[in-house]
PDB file of N, CA and C in Angstrom:
ATOM      1  N   UNK A   1     -84.018 150.008  25.986  1.00  0.00           N
ATOM      2  CA  UNK A   1     -83.349 149.658  27.222  1.00  0.00           C
ATOM      3  C   UNK A   1     -82.782 148.241  27.155  1.00  0.00           C
ATOM      4  N   UNK A   2     -83.583 147.301  26.686  1.00  0.00           N
ATOM      5  CA  UNK A   2     -83.106 145.919  26.644  1.00  0.00           C
ATOM      6  C   UNK A   2     -81.999 145.727  25.615  1.00  0.00           C
ATOM      7  N   UNK A   3     -82.039 146.524  24.548  1.00  0.00           N
ATOM      8  CA  UNK A   3     -80.963 146.431  23.552  1.00  0.00           C
ATOM      9  C   UNK A   3     -79.643 146.839  24.190  1.00  0.00           C
ATOM     10  N   UNK A   4     -79.674 147.946  24.955  1.00  0.00           N
ATOM     11  CA  UNK A   4     -78.443 148.364  25.613  1.00  0.00           C
ATOM     12  C   UNK A   4     -78.014 147.320  26.637  1.00  0.00           C
ATOM     13  N   UNK A   5     -78.968 146.839  27.440  1.00  0.00           N
ATOM     14  CA  UNK A   5     -78.635 145.919  28.527  1.00  0.00           C
ATOM     15  C   UNK A   5     -77.990 144.643  28.014  1.00  0.00           C
ATOM     16  N   UNK A   6     -78.551 144.084  26.953  1.00  0.00           N
ATOM     17  CA  UNK A   6     -78.072 142.783  26.479  1.00  0.00           C
ATOM     18  C   UNK A   6     -76.986 142.880  25.418  1.00  0.00           C
ATOM     19  N   UNK A   7     -76.709 144.047  24.899  1.00  0.00           N
ATOM     20  CA  UNK A   7     -75.641 144.187  23.902  1.00  0.00           C
ATOM     21  C   UNK A   7     -74.522 145.079  24.438  1.00  0.00           C
ATOM     22  N   UNK A   8     -74.768 146.376  24.466  1.00  0.00           N
ATOM     23  CA  UNK A   8     -73.721 147.321  24.863  1.00  0.00           C
ATOM     24  C   UNK A   8     -73.356 147.182  26.340  1.00  0.00           C
ATOM     25  N   UNK A   9     -74.362 147.041  27.184  1.00  0.00           N
ATOM     26  CA  UNK A   9     -74.094 146.947  28.623  1.00  0.00           C
ATOM     27  C   UNK A   9     -73.296 145.715  28.987  1.00  0.00           C
ATOM     28  N   UNK A  10     -73.672 144.605  28.392  1.00  0.00           N
ATOM     29  CA  UNK A  10     -72.957 143.358  28.660  1.00  0.00           C
ATOM     30  C   UNK A  10     -71.514 143.445  28.182  1.00  0.00           C
ATOM     31  N   UNK A  11     -71.325 144.012  26.996  1.00  0.00           N
ATOM     32  CA  UNK A  11     -69.964 144.193  26.467  1.00  0.00           C
ATOM     33  C   UNK A  11     -69.152 145.115  27.368  1.00  0.00           C
ATOM     34  N   UNK A  12     -69.815 146.121  27.909  1.00  0.00           N
ATOM     35  CA  UNK A  12     -69.134 147.050  28.803  1.00  0.00           C
ATOM     36  C   UNK A  12     -68.693 146.362  30.097  1.00  0.00           C
ATOM     37  N   UNK A  13     -69.514 145.466  30.615  1.00  0.00           N
ATOM     38  CA  UNK A  13     -69.165 144.722  31.829  1.00  0.00           C
ATOM     39  C   UNK A  13     -67.963 143.816  31.565  1.00  0.00           C
ATOM     40  N   UNK A  14     -67.964 143.144  30.418  1.00  0.00           N
ATOM     41  CA  UNK A  14     -66.845 142.262  30.068  1.00  0.00           C
ATOM     42  C   UNK A  14     -65.562 143.074  29.908  1.00  0.00           C
ATOM     43  N   UNK A  15     -65.658 144.214  29.223  1.00  0.00           N
ATOM     44  CA  UNK A  15     -64.488 145.070  29.043  1.00  0.00           C
ATOM     45  C   UNK A  15     -64.004 145.611  30.393  1.00  0.00           C
ATOM     46  N   UNK A  16     -64.952 145.960  31.266  1.00  0.00           N
ATOM     47  CA  UNK A  16     -64.593 146.452  32.595  1.00  0.00           C
ATOM     48  C   UNK A  16     -63.864 145.406  33.411  1.00  0.00           C
ATOM     49  N   UNK A  17     -64.271 144.146  33.275  1.00  0.00           N
ATOM     50  CA  UNK A  17     -63.577 143.065  33.985  1.00  0.00           C
ATOM     51  C   UNK A  17     -62.138 142.957  33.502  1.00  0.00           C
ATOM     52  N   UNK A  18     -61.949 143.026  32.200  1.00  0.00           N
ATOM     53  CA  UNK A  18     -60.586 142.982  31.658  1.00  0.00           C
ATOM     54  C   UNK A  18     -59.730 144.130  32.167  1.00  0.00           C
ATOM     55  N   UNK A  19     -60.331 145.309  32.242  1.00  0.00           N
ATOM     56  CA  UNK A  19     -59.608 146.476  32.745  1.00  0.00           C
ATOM     57  C   UNK A  19     -59.254 146.306  34.221  1.00  0.00           C
ATOM     58  N   UNK A  20     -60.203 145.810  35.013  1.00  0.00           N
ATOM     59  CA  UNK A  20     -59.933 145.605  36.442  1.00  0.00           C
ATOM     60  C   UNK A  20     -58.806 144.598  36.654  1.00  0.00           C
ATOM     61  N   UNK A  21     -58.822 143.518  35.899  1.00  0.00           N
ATOM     62  CA  UNK A  21     -57.771 142.510  36.044  1.00  0.00           C
ATOM     63  C   UNK A  21     -56.419 143.086  35.633  1.00  0.00           C
ATOM     64  N   UNK A  22     -56.410 143.832  34.538  1.00  0.00           N
ATOM     65  CA  UNK A  22     -55.171 144.449  34.082  1.00  0.00           C
ATOM     66  C   UNK A  22     -54.636 145.444  35.108  1.00  0.00           C
ATOM     67  N   UNK A  23     -55.530 146.244  35.684  1.00  0.00           N
ATOM     68  CA  UNK A  23     -55.111 147.212  36.703  1.00  0.00           C
ATOM     69  C   UNK A  23     -54.569 146.527  37.951  1.00  0.00           C
ATOM     70  N   UNK A  24     -55.202 145.438  38.366  1.00  0.00           N
ATOM     71  CA  UNK A  24     -54.725 144.714  39.544  1.00  0.00           C
ATOM     72  C   UNK A  24     -53.343 144.113  39.289  1.00  0.00           C
ATOM     73  N   UNK A  25     -53.165 143.548  38.106  1.00  0.00           N
ATOM     74  CA  UNK A  25     -51.858 142.966  37.785  1.00  0.00           C
ATOM     75  C   UNK A  25     -50.793 144.056  37.679  1.00  0.00           C
ATOM     76  N   UNK A  26     -51.170 145.218  37.176  1.00  0.00           N
ATOM     77  CA  UNK A  26     -50.229 146.330  37.089  1.00  0.00           C
ATOM     78  C   UNK A  26     -49.934 146.896  38.480  1.00  0.00           C
ATOM     79  N   UNK A  27     -50.955 146.996  39.337  1.00  0.00           N
ATOM     80  CA  UNK A  27     -50.767 147.537  40.677  1.00  0.00           C
ATOM     81  C   UNK A  27     -49.779 146.691  41.470  1.00  0.00           C
ATOM     82  N   UNK A  28     -49.913 145.387  41.385  1.00  0.00           N
ATOM     83  CA  UNK A  28     -49.011 144.502  42.129  1.00  0.00           C
ATOM     84  C   UNK A  28     -47.745 144.181  41.346  1.00  0.00           C
ATOM     85  N   UNK A  29     -47.654 144.608  40.091  1.00  0.00           N
ATOM     86  CA  UNK A  29     -46.483 144.379  39.234  1.00  0.00           C
ATOM     87  C   UNK A  29     -46.071 142.907  39.252  1.00  0.00           C
ATOM     88  N   UNK A  30     -47.020 142.035  38.969  1.00  0.00           N
ATOM     89  CA  UNK A  30     -46.770 140.598  39.077  1.00  0.00           C
ATOM     90  C   UNK A  30     -45.631 140.145  38.165  1.00  0.00           C
ATOM     91  N   UNK A  31     -45.597 140.642  36.940  1.00  0.00           N
ATOM     92  CA  UNK A  31     -44.526 140.254  36.025  1.00  0.00           C
ATOM     93  C   UNK A  31     -43.158 140.694  36.517  1.00  0.00           C
ATOM     94  N   UNK A  32     -43.078 141.914  36.996  1.00  0.00           N
ATOM     95  CA  UNK A  32     -41.802 142.435  37.500  1.00  0.00           C
ATOM     96  C   UNK A  32     -41.367 141.695  38.755  1.00  0.00           C
ATOM     97  N   UNK A  33     -42.333 141.350  39.617  1.00  0.00           N
ATOM     98  CA  UNK A  33     -41.984 140.598  40.823  1.00  0.00           C
ATOM     99  C   UNK A  33     -41.409 139.229  40.469  1.00  0.00           C
ATOM    100  N   UNK A  34     -41.958 138.598  39.447  1.00  0.00           N
ATOM    101  CA  UNK A  34     -41.424 137.298  39.029  1.00  0.00           C
ATOM    102  C   UNK A  34     -40.026 137.433  38.441  1.00  0.00           C
ATOM    103  N   UNK A  35     -39.802 138.487  37.649  1.00  0.00           N
ATOM    104  CA  UNK A  35     -38.490 138.683  37.028  1.00  0.00           C
ATOM    105  C   UNK A  35     -37.403 138.962  38.058  1.00  0.00           C
ATOM    106  N   UNK A  36     -37.766 139.649  39.121  1.00  0.00           N
ATOM    107  CA  UNK A  36     -36.768 140.067  40.114  1.00  0.00           C
ATOM    108  C   UNK A  36     -36.912 139.312  41.426  1.00  0.00           C
ATOM    109  N   UNK A  37     -37.419 138.103  41.367  1.00  0.00           N
ATOM    110  CA  UNK A  37     -37.744 137.357  42.581  1.00  0.00           C
ATOM    111  C   UNK A  37     -36.558 137.214  43.524  1.00  0.00           C
ATOM    112  N   UNK A  38     -35.375 136.929  43.008  1.00  0.00           N
ATOM    113  CA  UNK A  38     -34.214 136.706  43.867  1.00  0.00           C
ATOM    114  C   UNK A  38     -33.210 137.852  43.821  1.00  0.00           C
ATOM    115  N   UNK A  39     -33.675 139.028  43.437  1.00  0.00           N
ATOM    116  CA  UNK A  39     -32.808 140.206  43.482  1.00  0.00           C
ATOM    117  C   UNK A  39     -32.690 140.668  44.939  1.00  0.00           C
ATOM    118  N   UNK A  40     -31.597 141.348  45.276  1.00  0.00           N
ATOM    119  CA  UNK A  40     -31.450 141.845  46.644  1.00  0.00           C
ATOM    120  C   UNK A  40     -32.562 142.825  47.005  1.00  0.00           C
ATOM    121  N   UNK A  41     -32.918 142.854  48.256  1.00  0.00           N
ATOM    122  CA  UNK A  41     -33.962 143.749  48.738  1.00  0.00           C
ATOM    123  C   UNK A  41     -33.336 144.971  49.380  1.00  0.00           C
ATOM    124  N   UNK A  42     -33.492 146.131  48.782  1.00  0.00           N
ATOM    125  CA  UNK A  42     -33.048 147.413  49.332  1.00  0.00           C
ATOM    126  C   UNK A  42     -31.594 147.386  49.791  1.00  0.00           C
ATOM    127  N   UNK A  43     -30.755 146.729  49.029  1.00  0.00           N
ATOM    128  CA  UNK A  43     -29.352 146.651  49.407  1.00  0.00           C
ATOM    129  C   UNK A  43     -28.637 147.903  48.924  1.00  0.00           C
ATOM    130  N   UNK A  44     -28.050 148.624  49.837  1.00  0.00           N
ATOM    131  CA  UNK A  44     -27.361 149.861  49.475  1.00  0.00           C
ATOM    132  C   UNK A  44     -25.987 149.536  48.909  1.00  0.00           C
ATOM    133  N   UNK A  45     -25.189 148.797  49.641  1.00  0.00           N
ATOM    134  CA  UNK A  45     -23.863 148.466  49.143  1.00  0.00           C
ATOM    135  C   UNK A  45     -23.288 147.306  49.942  1.00  0.00           C
ATOM    136  N   UNK A  46     -22.848 146.316  49.214  1.00  0.00           N
ATOM    137  CA  UNK A  46     -22.062 145.239  49.813  1.00  0.00           C
ATOM    138  C   UNK A  46     -21.096 144.771  48.740  1.00  0.00           C
ATOM    139  N   UNK A  47     -20.606 145.725  47.984  1.00  0.00           N
ATOM    140  CA  UNK A  47     -19.768 145.428  46.830  1.00  0.00           C
ATOM    141  C   UNK A  47     -18.335 145.122  47.211  1.00  0.00           C
ATOM    142  N   UNK A  48     -17.431 145.962  46.758  1.00  0.00           N
ATOM    143  CA  UNK A  48     -16.006 145.763  47.000  1.00  0.00           C
ATOM    144  C   UNK A  48     -15.726 145.818  48.499  1.00  0.00           C
ATOM    145  N   UNK A  49     -15.017 144.842  48.963  1.00  0.00           N
ATOM    146  CA  UNK A  49     -14.692 144.794  50.387  1.00  0.00           C
ATOM    147  C   UNK A  49     -13.248 144.342  50.543  1.00  0.00           C
ATOM    148  N   UNK A  50     -12.711 144.655  51.674  1.00  0.00           N
ATOM    149  CA  UNK A  50     -11.355 144.220  51.978  1.00  0.00           C
ATOM    150  C   UNK A  50     -11.338 142.697  52.026  1.00  0.00           C
ATOM    151  N   UNK A  51     -10.178 142.089  51.774  1.00  0.00           N
ATOM    152  CA  UNK A  51     -10.115 140.622  51.739  1.00  0.00           C
ATOM    153  C   UNK A  51     -10.687 139.949  52.980  1.00  0.00           C
ATOM    154  N   UNK A  52     -10.542 140.522  54.133  1.00  0.00           N
ATOM    155  CA  UNK A  52     -11.061 139.918  55.351  1.00  0.00           C
ATOM    156  C   UNK A  52     -12.574 140.057  55.474  1.00  0.00           C
ATOM    157  N   UNK A  53     -13.156 141.025  54.773  1.00  0.00           N
ATOM    158  CA  UNK A  53     -14.589 141.299  54.902  1.00  0.00           C
ATOM    159  C   UNK A  53     -15.394 140.730  53.728  1.00  0.00           C
ATOM    160  N   UNK A  54     -14.747 139.989  52.837  1.00  0.00           N
ATOM    161  CA  UNK A  54     -15.467 139.438  51.685  1.00  0.00           C
ATOM    162  C   UNK A  54     -16.523 138.420  52.109  1.00  0.00           C
ATOM    163  N   UNK A  55     -16.219 137.646  53.111  1.00  0.00           N
ATOM    164  CA  UNK A  55     -17.181 136.654  53.583  1.00  0.00           C
ATOM    165  C   UNK A  55     -18.409 137.344  54.172  1.00  0.00           C
ATOM    166  N   UNK A  56     -18.188 138.408  54.930  1.00  0.00           N
ATOM    167  CA  UNK A  56     -19.304 139.155  55.494  1.00  0.00           C
ATOM    168  C   UNK A  56     -20.134 139.795  54.381  1.00  0.00           C
ATOM    169  N   UNK A  57     -19.501 140.337  53.348  1.00  0.00           N
ATOM    170  CA  UNK A  57     -20.218 140.941  52.232  1.00  0.00           C
ATOM    171  C   UNK A  57     -21.038 139.877  51.495  1.00  0.00           C
ATOM    172  N   UNK A  58     -20.476 138.667  51.349  1.00  0.00           N
ATOM    173  CA  UNK A  58     -21.208 137.579  50.702  1.00  0.00           C
ATOM    174  C   UNK A  58     -22.484 137.246  51.476  1.00  0.00           C
ATOM    175  N   UNK A  59     -22.377 137.127  52.792  1.00  0.00           N
ATOM    176  CA  UNK A  59     -23.546 136.795  53.601  1.00  0.00           C
ATOM    177  C   UNK A  59     -24.544 137.954  53.657  1.00  0.00           C
ATOM    178  N   UNK A  60     -24.029 139.180  53.598  1.00  0.00           N
ATOM    179  CA  UNK A  60     -24.941 140.335  53.530  1.00  0.00           C
ATOM    180  C   UNK A  60     -25.779 140.274  52.255  1.00  0.00           C
ATOM    181  N   UNK A  61     -25.126 139.992  51.125  1.00  0.00           N
ATOM    182  CA  UNK A  61     -25.856 139.889  49.859  1.00  0.00           C
ATOM    183  C   UNK A  61     -26.815 138.705  49.872  1.00  0.00           C
ATOM    184  N   UNK A  62     -26.395 137.589  50.432  1.00  0.00           N
ATOM    185  CA  UNK A  62     -27.258 136.412  50.507  1.00  0.00           C
ATOM    186  C   UNK A  62     -28.491 136.695  51.371  1.00  0.00           C
ATOM    187  N   UNK A  63     -28.276 137.309  52.521  1.00  0.00           N
ATOM    188  CA  UNK A  63     -29.388 137.648  53.405  1.00  0.00           C
ATOM    189  C   UNK A  63     -30.351 138.622  52.719  1.00  0.00           C
ATOM    190  N   UNK A  64     -29.791 139.594  51.998  1.00  0.00           N
ATOM    191  CA  UNK A  64     -30.618 140.568  51.290  1.00  0.00           C
ATOM    192  C   UNK A  64     -31.450 139.888  50.206  1.00  0.00           C
ATOM    193  N   UNK A  65     -30.889 138.924  49.518  1.00  0.00           N
ATOM    194  CA  UNK A  65     -31.640 138.187  48.487  1.00  0.00           C
ATOM    195  C   UNK A  65     -32.752 137.331  49.106  1.00  0.00           C
ATOM    196  N   UNK A  66     -32.474 136.731  50.241  1.00  0.00           N
ATOM    197  CA  UNK A  66     -33.496 135.911  50.918  1.00  0.00           C
ATOM    198  C   UNK A  66     -34.654 136.798  51.372  1.00  0.00           C
ATOM    199  N   UNK A  67     -34.340 137.933  51.980  1.00  0.00           N
ATOM    200  CA  UNK A  67     -35.401 138.864  52.400  1.00  0.00           C
ATOM    201  C   UNK A  67     -36.185 139.341  51.177  1.00  0.00           C
ATOM    202  N   UNK A  68     -35.491 139.665  50.096  1.00  0.00           N
ATOM    203  CA  UNK A  68     -36.170 140.101  48.873  1.00  0.00           C
ATOM    204  C   UNK A  68     -37.106 139.038  48.336  1.00  0.00           C
ATOM    205  N   UNK A  69     -36.667 137.797  48.348  1.00  0.00           N
ATOM    206  CA  UNK A  69     -37.518 136.712  47.846  1.00  0.00           C
ATOM    207  C   UNK A  69     -38.745 136.525  48.726  1.00  0.00           C
ATOM    208  N   UNK A  70     -38.569 136.591  50.042  1.00  0.00           N
ATOM    209  CA  UNK A  70     -39.704 136.412  50.957  1.00  0.00           C
ATOM    210  C   UNK A  70     -40.730 137.525  50.756  1.00  0.00           C
ATOM    211  N   UNK A  71     -40.269 138.763  50.675  1.00  0.00           N
ATOM    212  CA  UNK A  71     -41.179 139.900  50.488  1.00  0.00           C
ATOM    213  C   UNK A  71     -41.885 139.791  49.138  1.00  0.00           C
ATOM    214  N   UNK A  72     -41.147 139.460  48.091  1.00  0.00           N
ATOM    215  CA  UNK A  72     -41.756 139.376  46.761  1.00  0.00           C
ATOM    216  C   UNK A  72     -42.736 138.205  46.657  1.00  0.00           C
ATOM    217  N   UNK A  73     -42.416 137.086  47.280  1.00  0.00           N
ATOM    218  CA  UNK A  73     -43.347 135.949  47.269  1.00  0.00           C
ATOM    219  C   UNK A  73     -44.638 136.333  47.993  1.00  0.00           C
ATOM    220  N   UNK A  74     -44.522 137.037  49.114  1.00  0.00           N
ATOM    221  CA  UNK A  74     -45.715 137.504  49.821  1.00  0.00           C
ATOM    222  C   UNK A  74     -46.558 138.425  48.956  1.00  0.00           C
ATOM    223  N   UNK A  75     -45.909 139.377  48.283  1.00  0.00           N
ATOM    224  CA  UNK A  75     -46.643 140.278  47.390  1.00  0.00           C
ATOM    225  C   UNK A  75     -47.260 139.525  46.219  1.00  0.00           C
ATOM    226  N   UNK A  76     -46.544 138.556  45.687  1.00  0.00           N
ATOM    227  CA  UNK A  76     -47.096 137.744  44.595  1.00  0.00           C
ATOM    228  C   UNK A  76     -48.351 137.007  45.037  1.00  0.00           C
ATOM    229  N   UNK A  77     -48.308 136.414  46.218  1.00  0.00           N
ATOM    230  CA  UNK A  77     -49.468 135.677  46.716  1.00  0.00           C
ATOM    231  C   UNK A  77     -50.670 136.589  46.928  1.00  0.00           C
ATOM    232  N   UNK A  78     -50.438 137.753  47.510  1.00  0.00           N
ATOM    233  CA  UNK A  78     -51.533 138.707  47.722  1.00  0.00           C
ATOM    234  C   UNK A  78     -52.067 139.187  46.373  1.00  0.00           C
ATOM    235  N   UNK A  79     -51.176 139.501  45.445  1.00  0.00           N
ATOM    236  CA  UNK A  79     -51.601 139.957  44.119  1.00  0.00           C
ATOM    237  C   UNK A  79     -52.402 138.900  43.376  1.00  0.00           C
ATOM    238  N   UNK A  80     -51.957 137.658  43.436  1.00  0.00           N
ATOM    239  CA  UNK A  80     -52.685 136.570  42.769  1.00  0.00           C
ATOM    240  C   UNK A  80     -54.048 136.376  43.422  1.00  0.00           C
ATOM    241  N   UNK A  81     -54.103 136.483  44.749  1.00  0.00           N
ATOM    242  CA  UNK A  81     -55.382 136.359  45.453  1.00  0.00           C
ATOM    243  C   UNK A  81     -56.345 137.464  45.026  1.00  0.00           C
ATOM    244  N   UNK A  82     -55.866 138.692  44.946  1.00  0.00           N
ATOM    245  CA  UNK A  82     -56.715 139.817  44.520  1.00  0.00           C
ATOM    246  C   UNK A  82     -57.217 139.595  43.101  1.00  0.00           C
ATOM    247  N   UNK A  83     -56.344 139.159  42.203  1.00  0.00           N
ATOM    248  CA  UNK A  83     -56.750 138.909  40.814  1.00  0.00           C
ATOM    249  C   UNK A  83     -57.790 137.791  40.751  1.00  0.00           C
ATOM    250  N   UNK A  84     -57.594 136.738  41.529  1.00  0.00           N
ATOM    251  CA  UNK A  84     -58.567 135.633  41.524  1.00  0.00           C
ATOM    252  C   UNK A  84     -59.924 136.060  42.080  1.00  0.00           C
ATOM    253  N   UNK A  85     -59.921 136.874  43.131  1.00  0.00           N
ATOM    254  CA  UNK A  85     -61.188 137.354  43.685  1.00  0.00           C
ATOM    255  C   UNK A  85     -61.908 138.251  42.672  1.00  0.00           C
ATOM    256  N   UNK A  86     -61.163 139.159  42.048  1.00  0.00           N
ATOM    257  CA  UNK A  86     -61.780 140.027  41.041  1.00  0.00           C
ATOM    258  C   UNK A  86     -62.285 139.216  39.852  1.00  0.00           C
ATOM    259  N   UNK A  87     -61.548 138.204  39.449  1.00  0.00           N
ATOM    260  CA  UNK A  87     -61.983 137.358  38.343  1.00  0.00           C
ATOM    261  C   UNK A  87     -63.257 136.604  38.701  1.00  0.00           C
ATOM    262  N   UNK A  88     -63.306 136.052  39.905  1.00  0.00           N
ATOM    263  CA  UNK A  88     -64.483 135.304  40.338  1.00  0.00           C
ATOM    264  C   UNK A  88     -65.720 136.206  40.407  1.00  0.00           C
ATOM    265  N   UNK A  89     -65.570 137.370  41.033  1.00  0.00           N
ATOM    266  CA  UNK A  89     -66.706 138.286  41.140  1.00  0.00           C
ATOM    267  C   UNK A  89     -67.125 138.815  39.766  1.00  0.00           C
ATOM    268  N   UNK A  90     -66.153 139.098  38.921  1.00  0.00           N
ATOM    269  CA  UNK A  90     -66.469 139.584  37.579  1.00  0.00           C
ATOM    270  C   UNK A  90     -67.192 138.542  36.741  1.00  0.00           C
ATOM    271  N   UNK A  91     -66.742 137.298  36.810  1.00  0.00           N
ATOM    272  CA  UNK A  91     -67.425 136.234  36.066  1.00  0.00           C
ATOM    273  C   UNK A  91     -68.832 135.995  36.606  1.00  0.00           C
ATOM    274  N   UNK A  92     -68.997 136.104  37.927  1.00  0.00           N
ATOM    275  CA  UNK A  92     -70.334 135.964  38.503  1.00  0.00           C
ATOM    276  C   UNK A  92     -71.250 137.075  37.992  1.00  0.00           C
ATOM    277  N   UNK A  93     -70.740 138.290  37.908  1.00  0.00           N
ATOM    278  CA  UNK A  93     -71.538 139.403  37.385  1.00  0.00           C
ATOM    279  C   UNK A  93     -71.896 139.181  35.921  1.00  0.00           C
ATOM    280  N   UNK A  94     -70.950 138.703  35.140  1.00  0.00           N
ATOM    281  CA  UNK A  94     -71.218 138.442  33.719  1.00  0.00           C
ATOM    282  C   UNK A  94     -72.286 137.364  33.569  1.00  0.00           C
ATOM    283  N   UNK A  95     -72.250 136.362  34.431  1.00  0.00           N
ATOM    284  CA  UNK A  95     -73.227 135.270  34.337  1.00  0.00           C
ATOM    285  C   UNK A  95     -74.619 135.733  34.754  1.00  0.00           C
ATOM    286  N   UNK A  96     -74.724 136.532  35.824  1.00  0.00           N
ATOM    287  CA  UNK A  96     -76.057 136.937  36.283  1.00  0.00           C
ATOM    288  C   UNK A  96     -76.554 138.213  35.603  1.00  0.00           C
ATOM    289  N   UNK A  97     -75.745 138.864  34.783  1.00  0.00           N
ATOM    290  CA  UNK A  97     -76.125 140.110  34.109  1.00  0.00           C
ATOM    291  C   UNK A  97     -77.454 140.004  33.353  1.00  0.00           C
ATOM    292  N   UNK A  98     -77.711 138.939  32.592  1.00  0.00           N
ATOM    293  CA  UNK A  98     -78.981 138.892  31.856  1.00  0.00           C
ATOM    294  C   UNK A  98     -80.208 138.722  32.761  1.00  0.00           C
ATOM    295  N   UNK A  99     -80.031 138.270  33.983  1.00  0.00           N
ATOM    296  CA  UNK A  99     -81.156 137.994  34.877  1.00  0.00           C
ATOM    297  C   UNK A  99     -81.528 139.224  35.710  1.00  0.00           C
ATOM    298  N   UNK A 100     -80.616 140.159  35.875  1.00  0.00           N
ATOM    299  CA  UNK A 100     -80.823 141.303  36.764  1.00  0.00           C
ATOM    300  C   UNK A 100     -82.107 142.086  36.453  1.00  0.00           C
ATOM    301  N   UNK A 101     -82.477 142.355  35.187  1.00  0.00           N
ATOM    302  CA  UNK A 101     -83.705 143.123  34.945  1.00  0.00           C
ATOM    303  C   UNK A 101     -84.976 142.420  35.437  1.00  0.00           C
ATOM    304  N   UNK A 102     -84.937 141.118  35.575  1.00  0.00           N
ATOM    305  CA  UNK A 102     -86.121 140.373  35.981  1.00  0.00           C
ATOM    306  C   UNK A 102     -86.214 140.165  37.497  1.00  0.00           C
ATOM    307  N   UNK A 103     -85.217 140.542  38.246  1.00  0.00           N
ATOM    308  CA  UNK A 103     -85.219 140.332  39.694  1.00  0.00           C
ATOM    309  C   UNK A 103     -86.344 141.076  40.417  1.00  0.00           C
ATOM    310  N   UNK A 104     -86.682 142.325  40.048  1.00  0.00           N
ATOM    311  CA  UNK A 104     -87.836 142.953  40.711  1.00  0.00           C
ATOM    312  C   UNK A 104     -89.134 142.172  40.488  1.00  0.00           C
ATOM    313  N   UNK A 105     -89.313 141.646  39.294  1.00  0.00           N
ATOM    314  CA  UNK A 105     -90.506 140.846  39.004  1.00  0.00           C
ATOM    315  C   UNK A 105     -90.503 139.563  39.833  1.00  0.00           C
ATOM    316  N   UNK A 106     -89.367 138.932  39.946  1.00  0.00           N
ATOM    317  CA  UNK A 106     -89.249 137.715  40.759  1.00  0.00           C
ATOM    318  C   UNK A 106     -89.562 138.042  42.223  1.00  0.00           C
ATOM    319  N   UNK A 107     -89.030 139.161  42.710  1.00  0.00           N
ATOM    320  CA  UNK A 107     -89.310 139.567  44.077  1.00  0.00           C
ATOM    321  C   UNK A 107     -90.790 139.844  44.310  1.00  0.00           C
ATOM    322  N   UNK A 108     -91.441 140.466  43.342  1.00  0.00           N
ATOM    323  CA  UNK A 108     -92.874 140.727  43.454  1.00  0.00           C
ATOM    324  C   UNK A 108     -93.669 139.432  43.504  1.00  0.00           C
ATOM    325  N   UNK A 109     -93.342 138.494  42.624  1.00  0.00           N
ATOM    326  CA  UNK A 109     -94.036 137.198  42.606  1.00  0.00           C
ATOM    327  C   UNK A 109     -93.807 136.468  43.919  1.00  0.00           C
ATOM    328  N   UNK A 110     -92.579 136.510  44.423  1.00  0.00           N
ATOM    329  CA  UNK A 110     -92.292 135.831  45.694  1.00  0.00           C
ATOM    330  C   UNK A 110     -93.060 136.471  46.844  1.00  0.00           C
ATOM    331  N   UNK A 111     -93.173 137.794  46.827  1.00  0.00           N
ATOM    332  CA  UNK A 111     -93.897 138.490  47.884  1.00  0.00           C
ATOM    333  C   UNK A 111     -95.378 138.145  47.845  1.00  0.00           C
ATOM    334  N   UNK A 112     -95.948 138.163  46.653  1.00  0.00           N
ATOM    335  CA  UNK A 112     -97.368 137.823  46.504  1.00  0.00           C
ATOM    336  C   UNK A 112     -97.620 136.384  46.904  1.00  0.00           C
ATOM    337  N   UNK A 113     -96.692 135.504  46.565  1.00  0.00           N
ATOM    338  CA  UNK A 113     -96.835 134.085  46.897  1.00  0.00           C
ATOM    339  C   UNK A 113     -96.525 133.770  48.348  1.00  0.00           C
ATOM    340  N   UNK A 114     -96.019 134.747  49.102  1.00  0.00           N
ATOM    341  CA  UNK A 114     -95.725 134.532  50.520  1.00  0.00           C
ATOM    342  C   UNK A 114     -94.435 133.767  50.754  1.00  0.00           C
ATOM    343  N   UNK A 115     -93.546 133.764  49.793  1.00  0.00           N
ATOM    344  CA  UNK A 115     -92.266 133.067  49.927  1.00  0.00           C
ATOM    345  C   UNK A 115     -91.264 133.997  50.592  1.00  0.00           C
ATOM    346  N   UNK A 116     -90.626 133.536  51.637  1.00  0.00           N
ATOM    347  CA  UNK A 116     -89.588 134.314  52.319  1.00  0.00           C
ATOM    348  C   UNK A 116     -88.278 133.533  52.289  1.00  0.00           C
ATOM    349  N   UNK A 117     -87.213 134.250  52.379  1.00  0.00           N
ATOM    350  CA  UNK A 117     -85.897 133.590  52.363  1.00  0.00           C
ATOM    351  C   UNK A 117     -85.344 133.471  53.736  1.00  0.00           C
TER     352      UNK A 117
END
């Protein structure tokens, strides 16, 4: 049991953390959001326009890019927050992993000693 816990189990936890971080980054598509940060947001068409409507088409495209940037920045912030939380919790688990088998013994000693939290 201890061989698995301190060798294979620990390696599995570390690998699982890497997988969770990779999945979170893929779910939020952080790389793609950065590449397309100032691309238009859901713009159907503001292409060729009559000479009098070119100014309106320009502002339509500009407004669409601003909305796209705001939405993507919001998603980037949420995605980075999720990755940081998962990283923090995963590192905490990796650090306390070797101590977990001894926690019942610690609890028993604390109970016998009359220590309460």
